[in-house]
Amino acid sequence: MKQFFFMLVICISCSYHAIAQTGSPDAAAQALTQRMRDTLQLRNGQRDSIYAINVHLNELSSAVRAQGQPDSLQPRLQRIEYTRDPLYLPVLGIDKFLLYKRKKVALLTGN
């Protein structure tokens, strides 16, 4: 009985993790944009531009993941991620961009 309960908990947690990993690019972009808006005090125009960038990058990442080539997955995702900062800089301006850089890890991970 204990083994059954343990396996049930493992299956449920794996299912939850799989669902969380396959969230829509739009939902993830919306959450990140909201955190950035709150942290960086973005104006509406900045928020809309950042949201568009986030959706685009998340769609690219989802497309890479869908191709299912595990050996080249990480470098390709990293290449997409490296484009984030150059896209943010013209939208945020130097002051907010420097604040973003200081808080980048917390913003991107949601912590």
PDB file of N, CA and C in Angstrom:
ATOM      1  N   MET A   1       0.824  -1.189   0.000  1.00  0.00           N
ATOM      2  CA  MET A   1       0.000   0.000   0.000  1.00  0.00           C
ATOM      3  C   MET A   1       0.870   1.256   0.000  1.00  0.00           C
ATOM      4  N   LYS A   2       1.955   1.238   0.795  1.00  0.00           N
ATOM      5  CA  LYS A   2       2.853   2.391   0.830  1.00  0.00           C
ATOM      6  C   LYS A   2       3.496   2.618  -0.532  1.00  0.00           C
ATOM      7  N   GLN A   3       3.881   1.530  -1.186  1.00  0.00           N
ATOM      8  CA  GLN A   3       4.497   1.669  -2.498  1.00  0.00           C
ATOM      9  C   GLN A   3       3.513   2.251  -3.512  1.00  0.00           C
ATOM     10  N   PHE A   4       2.271   1.828  -3.438  1.00  0.00           N
ATOM     11  CA  PHE A   4       1.259   2.357  -4.340  1.00  0.00           C
ATOM     12  C   PHE A   4       1.069   3.852  -4.110  1.00  0.00           C
ATOM     13  N   PHE A   5       0.971   4.246  -2.866  1.00  0.00           N
ATOM     14  CA  PHE A   5       0.790   5.663  -2.530  1.00  0.00           C
ATOM     15  C   PHE A   5       1.999   6.479  -2.994  1.00  0.00           C
ATOM     16  N   PHE A   6       3.188   5.953  -2.763  1.00  0.00           N
ATOM     17  CA  PHE A   6       4.408   6.632  -3.191  1.00  0.00           C
ATOM     18  C   PHE A   6       4.426   6.804  -4.713  1.00  0.00           C
ATOM     19  N   MET A   7       4.081   5.754  -5.454  1.00  0.00           N
ATOM     20  CA  MET A   7       4.059   5.830  -6.915  1.00  0.00           C
ATOM     21  C   MET A   7       2.987   6.805  -7.403  1.00  0.00           C
ATOM     22  N   LEU A   8       1.869   6.856  -6.715  1.00  0.00           N
ATOM     23  CA  LEU A   8       0.806   7.782  -7.074  1.00  0.00           C
ATOM     24  C   LEU A   8       1.275   9.230  -6.913  1.00  0.00           C
ATOM     25  N   VAL A   9       1.950   9.520  -5.816  1.00  0.00           N
ATOM     26  CA  VAL A   9       2.474  10.863  -5.578  1.00  0.00           C
ATOM     27  C   VAL A   9       3.504  11.223  -6.644  1.00  0.00           C
ATOM     28  N   ILE A  10       4.367  10.299  -6.977  1.00  0.00           N
ATOM     29  CA  ILE A  10       5.381  10.537  -8.014  1.00  0.00           C
ATOM     30  C   ILE A  10       4.710  10.827  -9.359  1.00  0.00           C
ATOM     31  N   CYS A  11       3.712  10.043  -9.729  1.00  0.00           N
ATOM     32  CA  CYS A  11       3.019  10.248 -11.005  1.00  0.00           C
ATOM     33  C   CYS A  11       2.311  11.593 -11.052  1.00  0.00           C
ATOM     34  N   ILE A  12       1.669  11.958  -9.976  1.00  0.00           N
ATOM     35  CA  ILE A  12       0.967  13.240  -9.935  1.00  0.00           C
ATOM     36  C   ILE A  12       1.948  14.394 -10.053  1.00  0.00           C
ATOM     37  N   SER A  13       3.052  14.317  -9.322  1.00  0.00           N
ATOM     38  CA  SER A  13       4.019  15.415  -9.389  1.00  0.00           C
ATOM     39  C   SER A  13       4.677  15.494 -10.769  1.00  0.00           C
ATOM     40  N   CYS A  14       4.941  14.372 -11.399  1.00  0.00           N
ATOM     41  CA  CYS A  14       5.509  14.393 -12.753  1.00  0.00           C
ATOM     42  C   CYS A  14       4.511  14.967 -13.749  1.00  0.00           C
ATOM     43  N   SER A  15       3.248  14.611 -13.608  1.00  0.00           N
ATOM     44  CA  SER A  15       2.220  15.157 -14.500  1.00  0.00           C
ATOM     45  C   SER A  15       2.109  16.659 -14.330  1.00  0.00           C
ATOM     46  N   TYR A  16       2.134  17.124 -13.100  1.00  0.00           N
ATOM     47  CA  TYR A  16       2.054  18.563 -12.839  1.00  0.00           C
ATOM     48  C   TYR A  16       3.246  19.277 -13.454  1.00  0.00           C
ATOM     49  N   HIS A  17       4.431  18.698 -13.294  1.00  0.00           N
ATOM     50  CA  HIS A  17       5.644  19.298 -13.857  1.00  0.00           C
ATOM     51  C   HIS A  17       5.565  19.349 -15.383  1.00  0.00           C
ATOM     52  N   ALA A  18       5.069  18.300 -16.002  1.00  0.00           N
ATOM     53  CA  ALA A  18       4.952  18.268 -17.463  1.00  0.00           C
ATOM     54  C   ALA A  18       3.968  19.321 -17.947  1.00  0.00           C
ATOM     55  N   ILE A  19       2.866  19.490 -17.240  1.00  0.00           N
ATOM     56  CA  ILE A  19       1.888  20.509 -17.618  1.00  0.00           C
ATOM     57  C   ILE A  19       2.492  21.892 -17.469  1.00  0.00           C
ATOM     58  N   ALA A  20       3.215  22.121 -16.389  1.00  0.00           N
ATOM     59  CA  ALA A  20       3.839  23.425 -16.159  1.00  0.00           C
ATOM     60  C   ALA A  20       4.871  23.735 -17.235  1.00  0.00           C
ATOM     61  N   GLN A  21       5.575  22.726 -17.723  1.00  0.00           N
ATOM     62  CA  GLN A  21       6.601  22.928 -18.738  1.00  0.00           C
ATOM     63  C   GLN A  21       6.001  23.259 -20.097  1.00  0.00           C
ATOM     64  N   THR A  22       4.768  22.813 -20.341  1.00  0.00           N
ATOM     65  CA  THR A  22       4.178  23.008 -21.655  1.00  0.00           C
ATOM     66  C   THR A  22       3.197  24.172 -21.676  1.00  0.00           C
ATOM     67  N   GLY A  23       3.313  25.104 -20.755  1.00  0.00           N
ATOM     68  CA  GLY A  23       2.456  26.275 -20.766  1.00  0.00           C
ATOM     69  C   GLY A  23       2.652  27.055 -22.049  1.00  0.00           C
ATOM     70  N   SER A  24       1.660  27.842 -22.399  1.00  0.00           N
ATOM     71  CA  SER A  24       1.731  28.568 -23.666  1.00  0.00           C
ATOM     72  C   SER A  24       2.799  29.660 -23.605  1.00  0.00           C
ATOM     73  N   PRO A  25       3.402  29.963 -24.741  1.00  0.00           N
ATOM     74  CA  PRO A  25       4.376  31.063 -24.786  1.00  0.00           C
ATOM     75  C   PRO A  25       3.750  32.386 -24.347  1.00  0.00           C
ATOM     76  N   ASP A  26       2.465  32.540 -24.656  1.00  0.00           N
ATOM     77  CA  ASP A  26       1.769  33.769 -24.283  1.00  0.00           C
ATOM     78  C   ASP A  26       1.654  33.907 -22.765  1.00  0.00           C
ATOM     79  N   ALA A  27       1.308  32.820 -22.089  1.00  0.00           N
ATOM     80  CA  ALA A  27       1.151  32.870 -20.630  1.00  0.00           C
ATOM     81  C   ALA A  27       2.486  33.154 -19.945  1.00  0.00           C
ATOM     82  N   ALA A  28       3.537  32.523 -20.423  1.00  0.00           N
ATOM     83  CA  ALA A  28       4.858  32.759 -19.836  1.00  0.00           C
ATOM     84  C   ALA A  28       5.308  34.193 -20.104  1.00  0.00           C
ATOM     85  N   ALA A  29       5.055  34.685 -21.299  1.00  0.00           N
ATOM     86  CA  ALA A  29       5.427  36.067 -21.640  1.00  0.00           C
ATOM     87  C   ALA A  29       4.643  37.055 -20.794  1.00  0.00           C
ATOM     88  N   GLN A  30       3.388  36.757 -20.570  1.00  0.00           N
ATOM     89  CA  GLN A  30       2.551  37.640 -19.762  1.00  0.00           C
ATOM     90  C   GLN A  30       3.058  37.703 -18.322  1.00  0.00           C
ATOM     91  N   ALA A  31       3.418  36.554 -17.759  1.00  0.00           N
ATOM     92  CA  ALA A  31       3.916  36.519 -16.381  1.00  0.00           C
ATOM     93  C   ALA A  31       5.237  37.285 -16.255  1.00  0.00           C
ATOM     94  N   LEU A  32       6.155  37.073 -17.195  1.00  0.00           N
ATOM     95  CA  LEU A  32       7.439  37.774 -17.156  1.00  0.00           C
ATOM     96  C   LEU A  32       7.238  39.280 -17.335  1.00  0.00           C
ATOM     97  N   THR A  33       6.376  39.665 -18.254  1.00  0.00           N
ATOM     98  CA  THR A  33       6.119  41.085 -18.488  1.00  0.00           C
ATOM     99  C   THR A  33       5.519  41.734 -17.256  1.00  0.00           C
ATOM    100  N   GLN A  34       4.638  41.025 -16.581  1.00  0.00           N
ATOM    101  CA  GLN A  34       4.032  41.552 -15.353  1.00  0.00           C
ATOM    102  C   GLN A  34       5.092  41.780 -14.275  1.00  0.00           C
ATOM    103  N   ARG A  35       5.995  40.803 -14.107  1.00  0.00           N
ATOM    104  CA  ARG A  35       7.071  40.961 -13.111  1.00  0.00           C
ATOM    105  C   ARG A  35       7.958  42.142 -13.478  1.00  0.00           C
ATOM    106  N   MET A  36       8.262  42.284 -14.760  1.00  0.00           N
ATOM    107  CA  MET A  36       9.109  43.393 -15.193  1.00  0.00           C
ATOM    108  C   MET A  36       8.397  44.729 -15.011  1.00  0.00           C
ATOM    109  N   ARG A  37       7.121  44.762 -15.325  1.00  0.00           N
ATOM    110  CA  ARG A  37       6.350  46.002 -15.158  1.00  0.00           C
ATOM    111  C   ARG A  37       6.369  46.446 -13.699  1.00  0.00           C
ATOM    112  N   ASP A  38       6.150  45.495 -12.804  1.00  0.00           N
ATOM    113  CA  ASP A  38       6.126  45.825 -11.379  1.00  0.00           C
ATOM    114  C   ASP A  38       7.498  46.227 -10.854  1.00  0.00           C
ATOM    115  N   THR A  39       8.529  45.524 -11.275  1.00  0.00           N
ATOM    116  CA  THR A  39       9.876  45.766 -10.766  1.00  0.00           C
ATOM    117  C   THR A  39      10.520  47.001 -11.385  1.00  0.00           C
ATOM    118  N   LEU A  40      10.331  47.180 -12.689  1.00  0.00           N
ATOM    119  CA  LEU A  40      11.020  48.247 -13.406  1.00  0.00           C
ATOM    120  C   LEU A  40      10.147  49.485 -13.623  1.00  0.00           C
ATOM    121  N   GLN A  41       8.895  49.433 -13.169  1.00  0.00           N
ATOM    122  CA  GLN A  41       7.977  50.566 -13.315  1.00  0.00           C
ATOM    123  C   GLN A  41       7.838  50.970 -14.789  1.00  0.00           C
ATOM    124  N   LEU A  42       7.482  50.016 -15.617  1.00  0.00           N
ATOM    125  CA  LEU A  42       7.389  50.255 -17.050  1.00  0.00           C
ATOM    126  C   LEU A  42       6.157  51.085 -17.407  1.00  0.00           C
ATOM    127  N   ARG A  43       6.317  51.948 -18.401  1.00  0.00           N
ATOM    128  CA  ARG A  43       5.175  52.673 -18.973  1.00  0.00           C
ATOM    129  C   ARG A  43       4.409  51.692 -19.862  1.00  0.00           C
ATOM    130  N   ASN A  44       3.195  52.057 -20.246  1.00  0.00           N
ATOM    131  CA  ASN A  44       2.363  51.162 -21.057  1.00  0.00           C
ATOM    132  C   ASN A  44       3.028  50.797 -22.384  1.00  0.00           C
ATOM    133  N   GLY A  45       3.636  51.759 -23.051  1.00  0.00           N
ATOM    134  CA  GLY A  45       4.304  51.484 -24.316  1.00  0.00           C
ATOM    135  C   GLY A  45       5.476  50.532 -24.141  1.00  0.00           C
ATOM    136  N   GLN A  46       6.239  50.735 -23.078  1.00  0.00           N
ATOM    137  CA  GLN A  46       7.362  49.835 -22.789  1.00  0.00           C
ATOM    138  C   GLN A  46       6.848  48.433 -22.484  1.00  0.00           C
ATOM    139  N   ARG A  47       5.790  48.366 -21.685  1.00  0.00           N
ATOM    140  CA  ARG A  47       5.221  47.068 -21.316  1.00  0.00           C
ATOM    141  C   ARG A  47       4.774  46.316 -22.562  1.00  0.00           C
ATOM    142  N   ASP A  48       4.106  46.998 -23.470  1.00  0.00           N
ATOM    143  CA  ASP A  48       3.624  46.346 -24.690  1.00  0.00           C
ATOM    144  C   ASP A  48       4.785  45.849 -25.553  1.00  0.00           C
ATOM    145  N   SER A  49       5.833  46.638 -25.665  1.00  0.00           N
ATOM    146  CA  SER A  49       7.005  46.230 -26.460  1.00  0.00           C
ATOM    147  C   SER A  49       7.725  45.052 -25.815  1.00  0.00           C
ATOM    148  N   ILE A  50       7.889  45.101 -24.502  1.00  0.00           N
ATOM    149  CA  ILE A  50       8.542  43.994 -23.782  1.00  0.00           C
ATOM    150  C   ILE A  50       7.714  42.724 -23.917  1.00  0.00           C
ATOM    151  N   TYR A  51       6.402  42.864 -23.824  1.00  0.00           N
ATOM    152  CA  TYR A  51       5.521  41.707 -23.978  1.00  0.00           C
ATOM    153  C   TYR A  51       5.703  41.081 -25.364  1.00  0.00           C
ATOM    154  N   ALA A  52       5.739  41.896 -26.402  1.00  0.00           N
ATOM    155  CA  ALA A  52       5.920  41.387 -27.766  1.00  0.00           C
ATOM    156  C   ALA A  52       7.264  40.658 -27.907  1.00  0.00           C
ATOM    157  N   ILE A  53       8.300  41.209 -27.307  1.00  0.00           N
ATOM    158  CA  ILE A  53       9.619  40.559 -27.335  1.00  0.00           C
ATOM    159  C   ILE A  53       9.554  39.220 -26.617  1.00  0.00           C
ATOM    160  N   ASN A  54       8.933  39.204 -25.441  1.00  0.00           N
ATOM    161  CA  ASN A  54       8.846  37.973 -24.656  1.00  0.00           C
ATOM    162  C   ASN A  54       8.050  36.893 -25.379  1.00  0.00           C
ATOM    163  N   VAL A  55       6.948  37.266 -26.014  1.00  0.00           N
ATOM    164  CA  VAL A  55       6.160  36.289 -26.775  1.00  0.00           C
ATOM    165  C   VAL A  55       7.007  35.719 -27.904  1.00  0.00           C
ATOM    166  N   HIS A  56       7.684  36.594 -28.620  1.00  0.00           N
ATOM    167  CA  HIS A  56       8.517  36.147 -29.742  1.00  0.00           C
ATOM    168  C   HIS A  56       9.602  35.166 -29.273  1.00  0.00           C
ATOM    169  N   LEU A  57      10.311  35.520 -28.208  1.00  0.00           N
ATOM    170  CA  LEU A  57      11.381  34.640 -27.713  1.00  0.00           C
ATOM    171  C   LEU A  57      10.820  33.324 -27.198  1.00  0.00           C
ATOM    172  N   ASN A  58       9.676  33.367 -26.526  1.00  0.00           N
ATOM    173  CA  ASN A  58       9.069  32.132 -26.024  1.00  0.00           C
ATOM    174  C   ASN A  58       8.574  31.242 -27.164  1.00  0.00           C
ATOM    175  N   GLU A  59       8.068  31.841 -28.228  1.00  0.00           N
ATOM    176  CA  GLU A  59       7.658  31.047 -29.385  1.00  0.00           C
ATOM    177  C   GLU A  59       8.859  30.383 -30.051  1.00  0.00           C
ATOM    178  N   LEU A  60       9.956  31.119 -30.160  1.00  0.00           N
ATOM    179  CA  LEU A  60      11.174  30.531 -30.716  1.00  0.00           C
ATOM    180  C   LEU A  60      11.664  29.361 -29.863  1.00  0.00           C
ATOM    181  N   SER A  61      11.657  29.556 -28.548  1.00  0.00           N
ATOM    182  CA  SER A  61      12.095  28.494 -27.633  1.00  0.00           C
ATOM    183  C   SER A  61      11.180  27.274 -27.727  1.00  0.00           C
ATOM    184  N   SER A  62       9.886  27.502 -27.815  1.00  0.00           N
ATOM    185  CA  SER A  62       8.932  26.393 -27.938  1.00  0.00           C
ATOM    186  C   SER A  62       9.157  25.626 -29.235  1.00  0.00           C
ATOM    187  N   ALA A  63       9.443  26.340 -30.299  1.00  0.00           N
ATOM    188  CA  ALA A  63       9.710  25.679 -31.581  1.00  0.00           C
ATOM    189  C   ALA A  63      10.963  24.813 -31.503  1.00  0.00           C
ATOM    190  N   VAL A  64      11.981  25.307 -30.822  1.00  0.00           N
ATOM    191  CA  VAL A  64      13.218  24.526 -30.658  1.00  0.00           C
ATOM    192  C   VAL A  64      12.935  23.274 -29.834  1.00  0.00           C
ATOM    193  N   ARG A  65      12.185  23.428 -28.750  1.00  0.00           N
ATOM    194  CA  ARG A  65      11.861  22.270 -27.907  1.00  0.00           C
ATOM    195  C   ARG A  65      11.024  21.241 -28.666  1.00  0.00           C
ATOM    196  N   ALA A  66      10.134  21.708 -29.533  1.00  0.00           N
ATOM    197  CA  ALA A  66       9.264  20.810 -30.285  1.00  0.00           C
ATOM    198  C   ALA A  66      10.036  19.963 -31.296  1.00  0.00           C
ATOM    199  N   GLN A  67      11.190  20.439 -31.711  1.00  0.00           N
ATOM    200  CA  GLN A  67      11.989  19.679 -32.672  1.00  0.00           C
ATOM    201  C   GLN A  67      12.599  18.440 -32.032  1.00  0.00           C
ATOM    202  N   GLY A  68      12.709  18.450 -30.699  1.00  0.00           N
ATOM    203  CA  GLY A  68      13.105  17.263 -29.961  1.00  0.00           C
ATOM    204  C   GLY A  68      14.482  16.714 -30.247  1.00  0.00           C
ATOM    205  N   GLN A  69      15.454  17.562 -30.431  1.00  0.00           N
ATOM    206  CA  GLN A  69      16.832  17.109 -30.625  1.00  0.00           C
ATOM    207  C   GLN A  69      17.606  17.427 -29.347  1.00  0.00           C
ATOM    208  N   PRO A  70      17.600  16.517 -28.379  1.00  0.00           N
ATOM    209  CA  PRO A  70      18.174  16.819 -27.063  1.00  0.00           C
ATOM    210  C   PRO A  70      19.649  17.200 -27.078  1.00  0.00           C
ATOM    211  N   ASP A  71      20.408  16.669 -28.013  1.00  0.00           N
ATOM    212  CA  ASP A  71      21.837  16.970 -28.018  1.00  0.00           C
ATOM    213  C   ASP A  71      22.128  18.420 -28.403  1.00  0.00           C
ATOM    214  N   SER A  72      21.249  19.033 -29.187  1.00  0.00           N
ATOM    215  CA  SER A  72      21.496  20.417 -29.581  1.00  0.00           C
ATOM    216  C   SER A  72      20.519  21.392 -28.927  1.00  0.00           C
ATOM    217  N   LEU A  73      19.717  20.917 -28.010  1.00  0.00           N
ATOM    218  CA  LEU A  73      18.675  21.750 -27.403  1.00  0.00           C
ATOM    219  C   LEU A  73      19.249  22.908 -26.594  1.00  0.00           C
ATOM    220  N   GLN A  74      20.138  22.616 -25.682  1.00  0.00           N
ATOM    221  CA  GLN A  74      20.663  23.658 -24.789  1.00  0.00           C
ATOM    222  C   GLN A  74      21.391  24.784 -25.524  1.00  0.00           C
ATOM    223  N   PRO A  75      22.304  24.476 -26.436  1.00  0.00           N
ATOM    224  CA  PRO A  75      22.975  25.577 -27.149  1.00  0.00           C
ATOM    225  C   PRO A  75      22.005  26.426 -27.969  1.00  0.00           C
ATOM    226  N   ARG A  76      21.007  25.799 -28.562  1.00  0.00           N
ATOM    227  CA  ARG A  76      20.044  26.556 -29.367  1.00  0.00           C
ATOM    228  C   ARG A  76      19.162  27.442 -28.493  1.00  0.00           C
ATOM    229  N   LEU A  77      18.747  26.924 -27.340  1.00  0.00           N
ATOM    230  CA  LEU A  77      17.960  27.749 -26.414  1.00  0.00           C
ATOM    231  C   LEU A  77      18.796  28.900 -25.872  1.00  0.00           C
ATOM    232  N   GLN A  78      20.053  28.635 -25.605  1.00  0.00           N
ATOM    233  CA  GLN A  78      20.947  29.683 -25.096  1.00  0.00           C
ATOM    234  C   GLN A  78      21.149  30.779 -26.132  1.00  0.00           C
ATOM    235  N   ARG A  79      21.261  30.397 -27.394  1.00  0.00           N
ATOM    236  CA  ARG A  79      21.399  31.373 -28.469  1.00  0.00           C
ATOM    237  C   ARG A  79      20.176  32.303 -28.527  1.00  0.00           C
ATOM    238  N   ILE A  80      18.997  31.731 -28.337  1.00  0.00           N
ATOM    239  CA  ILE A  80      17.777  32.544 -28.308  1.00  0.00           C
ATOM    240  C   ILE A  80      17.812  33.476 -27.105  1.00  0.00           C
ATOM    241  N   GLU A  81      18.215  32.949 -25.964  1.00  0.00           N
ATOM    242  CA  GLU A  81      18.247  33.753 -24.734  1.00  0.00           C
ATOM    243  C   GLU A  81      19.245  34.907 -24.847  1.00  0.00           C
ATOM    244  N   TYR A  82      20.338  34.699 -25.549  1.00  0.00           N
ATOM    245  CA  TYR A  82      21.336  35.761 -25.707  1.00  0.00           C
ATOM    246  C   TYR A  82      20.796  36.963 -26.492  1.00  0.00           C
ATOM    247  N   THR A  83      19.722  36.782 -27.215  1.00  0.00           N
ATOM    248  CA  THR A  83      19.152  37.909 -27.966  1.00  0.00           C
ATOM    249  C   THR A  83      18.244  38.787 -27.099  1.00  0.00           C
ATOM    250  N   ARG A  84      17.897  38.329 -25.904  1.00  0.00           N
ATOM    251  CA  ARG A  84      16.954  39.051 -25.043  1.00  0.00           C
ATOM    252  C   ARG A  84      17.469  40.442 -24.671  1.00  0.00           C
ATOM    253  N   ASP A  85      18.666  40.535 -24.133  1.00  0.00           N
ATOM    254  CA  ASP A  85      19.176  41.825 -23.664  1.00  0.00           C
ATOM    255  C   ASP A  85      19.301  42.864 -24.779  1.00  0.00           C
ATOM    256  N   PRO A  86      19.866  42.514 -25.937  1.00  0.00           N
ATOM    257  CA  PRO A  86      19.928  43.523 -27.008  1.00  0.00           C
ATOM    258  C   PRO A  86      18.548  44.000 -27.480  1.00  0.00           C
ATOM    259  N   LEU A  87      17.539  43.149 -27.354  1.00  0.00           N
ATOM    260  CA  LEU A  87      16.188  43.568 -27.725  1.00  0.00           C
ATOM    261  C   LEU A  87      15.564  44.464 -26.656  1.00  0.00           C
ATOM    262  N   TYR A  88      15.890  44.204 -25.398  1.00  0.00           N
ATOM    263  CA  TYR A  88      15.332  44.994 -24.293  1.00  0.00           C
ATOM    264  C   TYR A  88      15.938  46.394 -24.212  1.00  0.00           C
ATOM    265  N   LEU A  89      17.224  46.531 -24.490  1.00  0.00           N
ATOM    266  CA  LEU A  89      17.925  47.807 -24.283  1.00  0.00           C
ATOM    267  C   LEU A  89      17.244  49.003 -24.947  1.00  0.00           C
ATOM    268  N   PRO A  90      16.914  48.969 -26.235  1.00  0.00           N
ATOM    269  CA  PRO A  90      16.288  50.159 -26.835  1.00  0.00           C
ATOM    270  C   PRO A  90      14.908  50.469 -26.256  1.00  0.00           C
ATOM    271  N   VAL A  91      14.222  49.449 -25.762  1.00  0.00           N
ATOM    272  CA  VAL A  91      12.884  49.650 -25.202  1.00  0.00           C
ATOM    273  C   VAL A  91      12.966  50.248 -23.800  1.00  0.00           C
ATOM    274  N   LEU A  92      13.883  49.734 -22.992  1.00  0.00           N
ATOM    275  CA  LEU A  92      13.962  50.148 -21.587  1.00  0.00           C
ATOM    276  C   LEU A  92      14.724  51.446 -21.380  1.00  0.00           C
ATOM    277  N   GLY A  93      15.694  51.726 -22.212  1.00  0.00           N
ATOM    278  CA  GLY A  93      16.581  52.845 -21.935  1.00  0.00           C
ATOM    279  C   GLY A  93      17.661  52.391 -20.970  1.00  0.00           C
ATOM    280  N   ILE A  94      18.710  53.152 -20.858  1.00  0.00           N
ATOM    281  CA  ILE A  94      19.882  52.709 -20.107  1.00  0.00           C
ATOM    282  C   ILE A  94      19.613  52.540 -18.612  1.00  0.00           C
ATOM    283  N   ASP A  95      18.869  53.461 -17.991  1.00  0.00           N
ATOM    284  CA  ASP A  95      18.649  53.378 -16.544  1.00  0.00           C
ATOM    285  C   ASP A  95      17.842  52.133 -16.159  1.00  0.00           C
ATOM    286  N   LYS A  96      16.734  51.921 -16.836  1.00  0.00           N
ATOM    287  CA  LYS A  96      15.912  50.745 -16.525  1.00  0.00           C
ATOM    288  C   LYS A  96      16.595  49.459 -16.974  1.00  0.00           C
ATOM    289  N   PHE A  97      17.393  49.536 -18.036  1.00  0.00           N
ATOM    290  CA  PHE A  97      18.109  48.349 -18.480  1.00  0.00           C
ATOM    291  C   PHE A  97      19.136  47.923 -17.433  1.00  0.00           C
ATOM    292  N   LEU A  98      19.833  48.880 -16.840  1.00  0.00           N
ATOM    293  CA  LEU A  98      20.804  48.534 -15.792  1.00  0.00           C
ATOM    294  C   LEU A  98      20.098  47.931 -14.577  1.00  0.00           C
ATOM    295  N   LEU A  99      18.935  48.455 -14.233  1.00  0.00           N
ATOM    296  CA  LEU A  99      18.155  47.870 -13.142  1.00  0.00           C
ATOM    297  C   LEU A  99      17.706  46.456 -13.513  1.00  0.00           C
ATOM    298  N   TYR A 100      17.278  46.282 -14.747  1.00  0.00           N
ATOM    299  CA  TYR A 100      16.896  44.953 -15.235  1.00  0.00           C
ATOM    300  C   TYR A 100      18.071  43.979 -15.112  1.00  0.00           C
ATOM    301  N   LYS A 101      19.266  44.411 -15.518  1.00  0.00           N
ATOM    302  CA  LYS A 101      20.447  43.537 -15.450  1.00  0.00           C
ATOM    303  C   LYS A 101      20.740  43.111 -14.009  1.00  0.00           C
ATOM    304  N   ARG A 102      20.554  44.037 -13.062  1.00  0.00           N
ATOM    305  CA  ARG A 102      20.798  43.691 -11.657  1.00  0.00           C
ATOM    306  C   ARG A 102      19.782  42.679 -11.142  1.00  0.00           C
ATOM    307  N   LYS A 103      18.561  42.742 -11.654  1.00  0.00           N
ATOM    308  CA  LYS A 103      17.494  41.878 -11.147  1.00  0.00           C
ATOM    309  C   LYS A 103      17.095  40.786 -12.133  1.00  0.00           C
ATOM    310  N   LYS A 104      17.913  40.571 -13.140  1.00  0.00           N
ATOM    311  CA  LYS A 104      17.578  39.674 -14.244  1.00  0.00           C
ATOM    312  C   LYS A 104      17.239  38.259 -13.795  1.00  0.00           C
ATOM    313  N   VAL A 105      18.048  37.681 -12.960  1.00  0.00           N
ATOM    314  CA  VAL A 105      17.818  36.294 -12.559  1.00  0.00           C
ATOM    315  C   VAL A 105      16.476  36.155 -11.855  1.00  0.00           C
ATOM    316  N   ALA A 106      16.186  37.053 -10.935  1.00  0.00           N
ATOM    317  CA  ALA A 106      14.911  36.979 -10.218  1.00  0.00           C
ATOM    318  C   ALA A 106      13.741  37.211 -11.162  1.00  0.00           C
ATOM    319  N   LEU A 107      13.880  38.121 -12.106  1.00  0.00           N
ATOM    320  CA  LEU A 107      12.797  38.385 -13.044  1.00  0.00           C
ATOM    321  C   LEU A 107      12.531  37.191 -13.953  1.00  0.00           C
ATOM    322  N   LEU A 108      13.572  36.619 -14.504  1.00  0.00           N
ATOM    323  CA  LEU A 108      13.403  35.535 -15.469  1.00  0.00           C
ATOM    324  C   LEU A 108      12.971  34.230 -14.826  1.00  0.00           C
ATOM    325  N   THR A 109      13.384  34.006 -13.581  1.00  0.00           N
ATOM    326  CA  THR A 109      13.012  32.758 -12.918  1.00  0.00           C
ATOM    327  C   THR A 109      11.756  32.880 -12.083  1.00  0.00           C
ATOM    328  N   GLY A 110      11.305  34.088 -11.850  1.00  0.00           N
ATOM    329  CA  GLY A 110      10.093  34.271 -11.051  1.00  0.00           C
ATOM    330  C   GLY A 110      10.325  34.175  -9.570  1.00  0.00           C
ATOM    331  N   ASN A 111      11.561  34.247  -9.152  1.00  0.00           N
ATOM    332  CA  ASN A 111      11.866  34.182  -7.707  1.00  0.00           C
ATOM    333  C   ASN A 111      12.071  35.553  -7.134  1.00  0.00           C
TER     334      ASN A 111
END
